[in-house]
Each structure stands twice: as structure tokens, then as C-alpha cells.
Amino acid sequence: MTIRVNFFLNGLGYGGTEKTAYLFAANLDCKVKVFTYEDADLTRLPQFRNVCEVGFINRKKPNWKDLEGCDILHTFRSGHREVPSPGSEVL
């Protein structure tokens, strides 16, 4: 049985949340897909592409349905008013 995990991250830079998602994808036997904004910090994009599938979301007109179809969904929320917010239809 394969567990499908989707991460929604604010970017693919050097932050702790990105590092956790990367280590999860690189070291666990599961199918991981990482989503981020098209215009985000993509510094570590090549590293992520080596260990998992990467999808992009348009910040101005997001299609949150892309995040569906998984067993576990982890969404990054820094505490600022970022979407998806609690109560959104995806969550």
C-alpha cells in the first residue's frame, strides 16, 4: 500500500518547513508531491525534483483542487493571512 502525501509550501527556499518536506520525500517510502506558488522562492527546486513530483499553483487564481487526491495533506501557514486558510473547502 502506498501512502500519498501532498505538501503545500509557500516556496522551495531554505526554511525549516521546506527542509522537513524534503527530508520526508527523500527518506520515506511513500509517494510525495510538493506544491508551491509559481512565483515563489524556488531556490531548492532542483533538489525537490530529485526526490518527488513538484506542482505549481497560480497565486492570483489558485486551483486548490490540485491538492486533493492524497492520504495526507500538509499545508504551510506562516501565521500571515495566506491561503489556504482554515475553513477552506480543501481542508
Protein backbone atom coordinates (compact mmCIF):
# COMPACT_ATOMS: atom_id res chain seq x y z
CA MET A 1 0.00 0.00 0.00
CA THR A 2 1.39 3.38 -0.99
CA ILE A 3 0.63 6.45 1.09
CA ARG A 4 0.20 9.61 -0.99
CA VAL A 5 1.32 12.80 0.72
CA ASN A 6 0.80 16.31 -0.69
CA PHE A 7 2.66 19.28 0.76
CA PHE A 8 1.61 22.85 0.04
CA LEU A 9 4.56 25.14 0.75
CA ASN A 10 4.94 28.89 0.48
CA GLY A 11 8.15 28.37 -1.51
CA LEU A 12 11.06 25.98 -2.02
CA GLY A 13 13.73 28.02 -0.28
CA TYR A 14 15.86 27.17 2.74
CA GLY A 15 13.26 27.37 5.51
CA GLY A 16 12.57 24.70 8.09
CA THR A 17 9.21 23.69 6.62
CA GLU A 18 10.80 23.13 3.21
CA LYS A 19 13.63 21.13 4.79
CA THR A 20 11.14 18.92 6.62
CA ALA A 21 9.17 18.26 3.41
CA TYR A 22 12.37 17.48 1.52
CA LEU A 23 13.61 15.03 4.16
CA PHE A 24 10.20 13.38 4.28
CA ALA A 25 10.21 12.88 0.50
CA ALA A 26 13.83 11.73 0.37
CA ASN A 27 13.73 9.21 3.21
CA LEU A 28 10.28 7.65 3.47
CA ASP A 29 8.74 5.04 1.23
CA CYS A 30 5.68 6.94 0.08
CA LYS A 31 4.52 8.98 -2.89
CA VAL A 32 5.14 12.67 -2.21
CA LYS A 33 4.02 15.63 -4.27
CA VAL A 34 5.01 19.17 -3.32
CA PHE A 35 3.02 22.21 -4.46
CA THR A 36 4.14 25.80 -4.30
CA TYR A 37 3.35 29.11 -5.95
CA GLU A 38 4.65 29.73 -9.48
CA ASP A 39 6.26 33.00 -8.35
CA ALA A 40 7.70 31.70 -5.06
CA ASP A 41 11.31 31.33 -3.96
CA LEU A 42 12.37 28.25 -5.98
CA THR A 43 15.99 28.07 -4.81
CA ARG A 44 15.79 24.37 -3.97
CA LEU A 45 13.55 23.31 -6.87
CA PRO A 46 16.23 21.03 -8.46
CA GLN A 47 16.71 19.21 -5.14
CA PHE A 48 12.97 18.67 -4.73
CA ARG A 49 12.62 17.39 -8.29
CA ASN A 50 15.21 14.70 -7.48
CA VAL A 51 13.03 13.17 -4.74
CA CYS A 52 9.40 13.99 -5.55
CA GLU A 53 6.94 15.44 -8.00
CA VAL A 54 6.52 19.24 -7.95
CA GLY A 55 3.34 21.09 -8.91
CA PHE A 56 2.76 24.82 -9.22
CA ILE A 57 -0.20 26.95 -8.15
CA ASN A 58 -1.00 30.40 -9.50
CA ARG A 59 -1.00 32.80 -6.55
CA LYS A 60 -3.63 35.14 -8.04
CA LYS A 61 -6.03 32.45 -9.26
CA PRO A 62 -5.26 29.27 -7.33
CA ASN A 63 -6.79 25.94 -8.23
CA TRP A 64 -6.92 24.23 -4.81
CA LYS A 65 -8.38 21.07 -6.34
CA ASP A 66 -4.79 20.18 -7.35
CA LEU A 67 -4.08 19.47 -3.67
CA GLU A 68 -6.75 16.77 -3.46
CA GLY A 69 -6.36 13.06 -4.12
CA CYS A 70 -3.95 12.23 -1.33
CA ASP A 71 -3.99 10.44 2.01
CA ILE A 72 -2.21 13.22 3.91
CA LEU A 73 -2.24 16.95 3.09
CA HIS A 74 0.22 19.22 4.92
CA THR A 75 -0.32 22.94 4.34
CA PHE A 76 2.21 25.57 5.28
CA ARG A 77 0.78 28.58 7.05
CA SER A 78 3.22 31.09 8.45
CA GLY A 79 0.73 32.98 10.57
CA HIS A 80 0.21 35.69 7.98
CA ARG A 81 -3.01 35.87 6.01
CA GLU A 82 -2.06 33.30 3.42
CA VAL A 83 -4.36 30.90 1.63
CA PRO A 84 -5.45 28.20 2.07
CA SER A 85 -6.88 29.44 5.33
CA PRO A 86 -8.74 27.45 7.99
CA GLY A 87 -12.19 26.58 6.78
CA SER A 88 -11.32 26.49 3.08
CA GLU A 89 -13.02 23.79 1.09
CA VAL A 90 -9.76 21.89 0.57
CA LEU A 91 -9.14 21.46 4.27
